Amino acid sequence: QACGILIAHDGASATTAAAGDRCTVVVKGYCEGANLEGAVVKGDILVSSTVAGQAAKFAGTEVVAPFAMALEDDTANVGDVWVFGLFS
């Protein structure tokens, strides 16, 4: 179950965090430039994608709960989202 969106890490890879990396994660509120599956549009509810580190449009058949909402249409798989506060 996703609980937030990774926005930065201190690891060696430019694109993928690894075990032991310190990570910065948005767990509630506004997140700029989230990694989104293609065809996400403003207002879509989001769940974890089958691609690691990416959010996908909620189809209603997933067994995981939605964790965010798209605030804009994706552009090249990037867009701003609002992360639901699962810990409040």
N, C-alpha and C. Protein backbone atom coordinates (compact mmCIF):
# COMPACT_ATOMS: atom_id res chain seq x y z
N GLN A 1 0.83 -1.18 0.00
CA GLN A 1 0.00 0.00 0.00
C GLN A 1 0.88 1.25 0.00
N ALA A 2 0.66 2.11 -0.96
CA ALA A 2 1.41 3.36 -1.01
C ALA A 2 0.94 4.29 0.10
N CYS A 3 1.88 5.01 0.70
CA CYS A 3 1.54 5.97 1.74
C CYS A 3 2.07 7.35 1.41
N GLY A 4 2.71 7.50 0.28
CA GLY A 4 3.25 8.79 -0.10
C GLY A 4 4.00 8.71 -1.41
N ILE A 5 4.63 9.82 -1.78
CA ILE A 5 5.37 9.90 -3.03
C ILE A 5 6.80 10.34 -2.75
N LEU A 6 7.76 9.55 -3.22
CA LEU A 6 9.17 9.86 -3.09
C LEU A 6 9.50 11.07 -3.95
N ILE A 7 10.15 12.09 -3.33
CA ILE A 7 10.51 13.27 -4.12
C ILE A 7 12.02 13.47 -4.21
N ALA A 8 12.79 12.77 -3.35
CA ALA A 8 14.25 12.90 -3.41
C ALA A 8 14.89 11.77 -2.62
N HIS A 9 16.15 11.45 -2.97
CA HIS A 9 16.94 10.48 -2.21
C HIS A 9 18.41 10.80 -2.38
N ASP A 10 19.23 10.25 -1.49
CA ASP A 10 20.67 10.57 -1.54
C ASP A 10 21.51 9.44 -2.12
N GLY A 11 20.88 8.54 -2.86
CA GLY A 11 21.60 7.40 -3.43
C GLY A 11 22.38 7.73 -4.68
N ALA A 12 23.10 6.73 -5.17
CA ALA A 12 23.96 6.89 -6.34
C ALA A 12 23.18 6.97 -7.65
N SER A 13 22.03 6.29 -7.72
CA SER A 13 21.23 6.28 -8.95
C SER A 13 20.46 7.59 -9.09
N ALA A 14 20.39 8.07 -10.30
CA ALA A 14 19.64 9.31 -10.55
C ALA A 14 18.14 9.07 -10.54
N THR A 15 17.71 7.84 -10.77
CA THR A 15 16.28 7.57 -10.92
C THR A 15 15.68 6.61 -9.90
N THR A 16 16.49 5.81 -9.23
CA THR A 16 15.96 4.77 -8.36
C THR A 16 16.62 4.79 -6.99
N ALA A 17 15.80 4.84 -5.94
CA ALA A 17 16.33 4.72 -4.58
C ALA A 17 16.63 3.26 -4.28
N ALA A 18 17.58 3.02 -3.41
CA ALA A 18 17.98 1.66 -3.04
C ALA A 18 17.97 1.52 -1.52
N ALA A 19 18.04 0.29 -1.06
CA ALA A 19 18.10 0.03 0.38
C ALA A 19 19.24 0.82 0.99
N GLY A 20 18.97 1.50 2.10
CA GLY A 20 19.98 2.29 2.79
C GLY A 20 20.01 3.76 2.39
N ASP A 21 19.36 4.12 1.29
CA ASP A 21 19.30 5.53 0.88
C ASP A 21 18.37 6.30 1.83
N ARG A 22 18.73 7.55 2.13
CA ARG A 22 17.81 8.43 2.86
C ARG A 22 16.86 9.04 1.85
N CYS A 23 15.57 8.95 2.14
CA CYS A 23 14.55 9.40 1.19
C CYS A 23 13.68 10.50 1.79
N THR A 24 13.23 11.40 0.93
CA THR A 24 12.25 12.41 1.30
C THR A 24 10.95 12.03 0.61
N VAL A 25 9.87 11.91 1.42
CA VAL A 25 8.58 11.45 0.90
C VAL A 25 7.48 12.40 1.32
N VAL A 26 6.59 12.74 0.40
CA VAL A 26 5.39 13.52 0.73
C VAL A 26 4.33 12.51 1.17
N VAL A 27 3.90 12.60 2.43
CA VAL A 27 2.89 11.68 2.95
C VAL A 27 1.52 12.34 3.11
N LYS A 28 1.47 13.65 2.89
CA LYS A 28 0.20 14.36 2.98
C LYS A 28 0.35 15.72 2.31
N GLY A 29 -0.59 16.06 1.44
CA GLY A 29 -0.60 17.37 0.84
C GLY A 29 -0.04 17.43 -0.57
N TYR A 30 0.39 18.62 -0.95
CA TYR A 30 0.81 18.92 -2.32
C TYR A 30 2.15 18.28 -2.66
N CYS A 31 2.22 17.67 -3.84
CA CYS A 31 3.47 17.11 -4.35
C CYS A 31 3.63 17.53 -5.80
N GLU A 32 4.67 18.27 -6.07
CA GLU A 32 4.94 18.77 -7.42
C GLU A 32 5.77 17.75 -8.20
N GLY A 33 5.38 17.48 -9.43
CA GLY A 33 6.17 16.66 -10.34
C GLY A 33 6.21 15.19 -10.00
N ALA A 34 5.08 14.61 -9.65
CA ALA A 34 5.02 13.18 -9.36
C ALA A 34 5.15 12.36 -10.65
N ASN A 35 5.69 11.15 -10.53
CA ASN A 35 5.82 10.23 -11.65
C ASN A 35 4.47 9.54 -11.87
N LEU A 36 3.84 9.81 -13.02
CA LEU A 36 2.50 9.31 -13.30
C LEU A 36 2.48 8.43 -14.54
N GLU A 37 1.64 7.42 -14.49
CA GLU A 37 1.39 6.60 -15.67
C GLU A 37 0.73 7.48 -16.73
N GLY A 38 0.96 7.22 -18.00
CA GLY A 38 0.38 8.03 -19.06
C GLY A 38 -1.14 8.07 -19.01
N ALA A 39 -1.72 9.10 -19.56
CA ALA A 39 -3.16 9.30 -19.66
C ALA A 39 -3.83 9.67 -18.34
N VAL A 40 -3.08 10.12 -17.35
CA VAL A 40 -3.68 10.64 -16.11
C VAL A 40 -4.15 12.06 -16.39
N VAL A 41 -5.38 12.36 -15.98
CA VAL A 41 -5.92 13.70 -16.17
C VAL A 41 -6.33 14.30 -14.83
N LYS A 42 -6.45 15.61 -14.81
CA LYS A 42 -6.84 16.33 -13.61
C LYS A 42 -8.10 15.70 -13.00
N GLY A 43 -8.03 15.45 -11.70
CA GLY A 43 -9.16 14.87 -10.99
C GLY A 43 -9.12 13.36 -10.84
N ASP A 44 -8.23 12.69 -11.57
CA ASP A 44 -8.13 11.24 -11.44
C ASP A 44 -7.66 10.86 -10.04
N ILE A 45 -8.23 9.81 -9.50
CA ILE A 45 -7.78 9.24 -8.24
C ILE A 45 -6.67 8.25 -8.58
N LEU A 46 -5.61 8.22 -7.75
CA LEU A 46 -4.41 7.45 -8.08
C LEU A 46 -4.11 6.33 -7.08
N VAL A 47 -3.55 5.25 -7.62
CA VAL A 47 -3.07 4.11 -6.84
C VAL A 47 -1.65 3.78 -7.30
N SER A 48 -1.01 2.83 -6.64
CA SER A 48 0.31 2.38 -7.06
C SER A 48 0.21 1.71 -8.42
N SER A 49 1.16 2.01 -9.28
CA SER A 49 1.23 1.41 -10.61
C SER A 49 1.98 0.08 -10.53
N THR A 50 1.92 -0.68 -11.60
CA THR A 50 2.73 -1.90 -11.69
C THR A 50 4.19 -1.54 -11.96
N VAL A 51 4.45 -0.27 -12.31
CA VAL A 51 5.81 0.23 -12.50
C VAL A 51 6.27 0.85 -11.18
N ALA A 52 7.36 0.37 -10.64
CA ALA A 52 7.86 0.87 -9.35
C ALA A 52 8.05 2.37 -9.39
N GLY A 53 7.54 3.05 -8.35
CA GLY A 53 7.71 4.49 -8.23
C GLY A 53 6.75 5.33 -9.03
N GLN A 54 5.74 4.70 -9.61
CA GLN A 54 4.82 5.44 -10.47
C GLN A 54 3.39 5.29 -9.96
N ALA A 55 2.60 6.34 -10.09
CA ALA A 55 1.18 6.30 -9.73
C ALA A 55 0.35 6.09 -10.99
N ALA A 56 -0.76 5.37 -10.83
CA ALA A 56 -1.63 5.07 -11.96
C ALA A 56 -3.07 5.47 -11.64
N LYS A 57 -3.86 5.66 -12.67
CA LYS A 57 -5.28 5.98 -12.52
C LYS A 57 -6.00 4.81 -11.84
N PHE A 58 -6.84 5.12 -10.83
CA PHE A 58 -7.62 4.12 -10.12
C PHE A 58 -8.74 3.63 -11.03
N ALA A 59 -8.78 2.31 -11.27
CA ALA A 59 -9.80 1.74 -12.15
C ALA A 59 -11.00 1.21 -11.38
N GLY A 60 -10.85 1.05 -10.05
CA GLY A 60 -11.93 0.53 -9.24
C GLY A 60 -11.85 -0.95 -8.97
N THR A 61 -10.89 -1.62 -9.60
CA THR A 61 -10.74 -3.07 -9.41
C THR A 61 -9.50 -3.44 -8.62
N GLU A 62 -8.69 -2.45 -8.25
CA GLU A 62 -7.45 -2.72 -7.52
C GLU A 62 -7.77 -3.17 -6.09
N VAL A 63 -6.84 -3.93 -5.52
CA VAL A 63 -7.01 -4.39 -4.13
C VAL A 63 -6.31 -3.47 -3.14
N VAL A 64 -5.69 -2.40 -3.63
CA VAL A 64 -5.05 -1.40 -2.77
C VAL A 64 -5.89 -0.13 -2.78
N ALA A 65 -5.79 0.62 -1.70
CA ALA A 65 -6.56 1.86 -1.59
C ALA A 65 -5.90 3.00 -2.36
N PRO A 66 -6.68 3.91 -2.93
CA PRO A 66 -6.12 5.10 -3.56
C PRO A 66 -5.37 5.94 -2.53
N PHE A 67 -4.33 6.65 -2.99
CA PHE A 67 -3.55 7.47 -2.05
C PHE A 67 -3.36 8.91 -2.49
N ALA A 68 -3.83 9.27 -3.69
CA ALA A 68 -3.62 10.64 -4.17
C ALA A 68 -4.63 10.99 -5.25
N MET A 69 -4.67 12.30 -5.59
CA MET A 69 -5.51 12.79 -6.68
C MET A 69 -4.65 13.68 -7.58
N ALA A 70 -4.83 13.51 -8.89
CA ALA A 70 -4.11 14.34 -9.86
C ALA A 70 -4.67 15.75 -9.86
N LEU A 71 -3.79 16.74 -9.78
CA LEU A 71 -4.19 18.15 -9.80
C LEU A 71 -4.10 18.75 -11.19
N GLU A 72 -3.52 17.98 -12.13
CA GLU A 72 -3.38 18.44 -13.51
C GLU A 72 -3.20 17.22 -14.41
N ASP A 73 -3.39 17.41 -15.71
CA ASP A 73 -3.11 16.36 -16.67
C ASP A 73 -1.60 16.09 -16.66
N ASP A 74 -1.22 14.81 -16.86
CA ASP A 74 0.22 14.53 -16.91
C ASP A 74 0.82 15.06 -18.20
N THR A 75 2.08 15.48 -18.10
CA THR A 75 2.87 15.88 -19.25
C THR A 75 4.12 15.04 -19.23
N ALA A 76 4.25 14.14 -20.22
CA ALA A 76 5.38 13.21 -20.28
C ALA A 76 5.53 12.44 -18.97
N ASN A 77 4.40 11.96 -18.45
CA ASN A 77 4.35 11.12 -17.23
C ASN A 77 4.71 11.87 -15.95
N VAL A 78 4.56 13.18 -15.95
CA VAL A 78 4.84 13.98 -14.76
C VAL A 78 3.66 14.91 -14.52
N GLY A 79 3.27 15.05 -13.23
CA GLY A 79 2.20 15.97 -12.91
C GLY A 79 2.11 16.21 -11.42
N ASP A 80 1.45 17.28 -11.04
CA ASP A 80 1.26 17.61 -9.63
C ASP A 80 0.09 16.81 -9.07
N VAL A 81 0.22 16.38 -7.81
CA VAL A 81 -0.82 15.59 -7.16
C VAL A 81 -1.05 16.06 -5.74
N TRP A 82 -2.17 15.66 -5.15
CA TRP A 82 -2.47 15.89 -3.74
C TRP A 82 -2.48 14.52 -3.08
N VAL A 83 -1.57 14.31 -2.14
CA VAL A 83 -1.48 13.04 -1.41
C VAL A 83 -2.46 13.07 -0.24
N PHE A 84 -3.31 12.06 -0.16
CA PHE A 84 -4.25 11.97 0.95
C PHE A 84 -3.50 11.69 2.23
N GLY A 85 -3.91 12.28 3.32
CA GLY A 85 -3.26 12.07 4.62
C GLY A 85 -3.72 10.77 5.26
N LEU A 86 -2.98 9.70 5.07
CA LEU A 86 -3.35 8.41 5.64
C LEU A 86 -3.00 8.31 7.12
N PHE A 87 -2.22 9.27 7.64
CA PHE A 87 -1.75 9.19 9.02
C PHE A 87 -2.30 10.29 9.90
N SER A 88 -3.35 11.00 9.45
CA SER A 88 -3.85 12.12 10.24
C SER A 88 -5.01 11.71 11.11
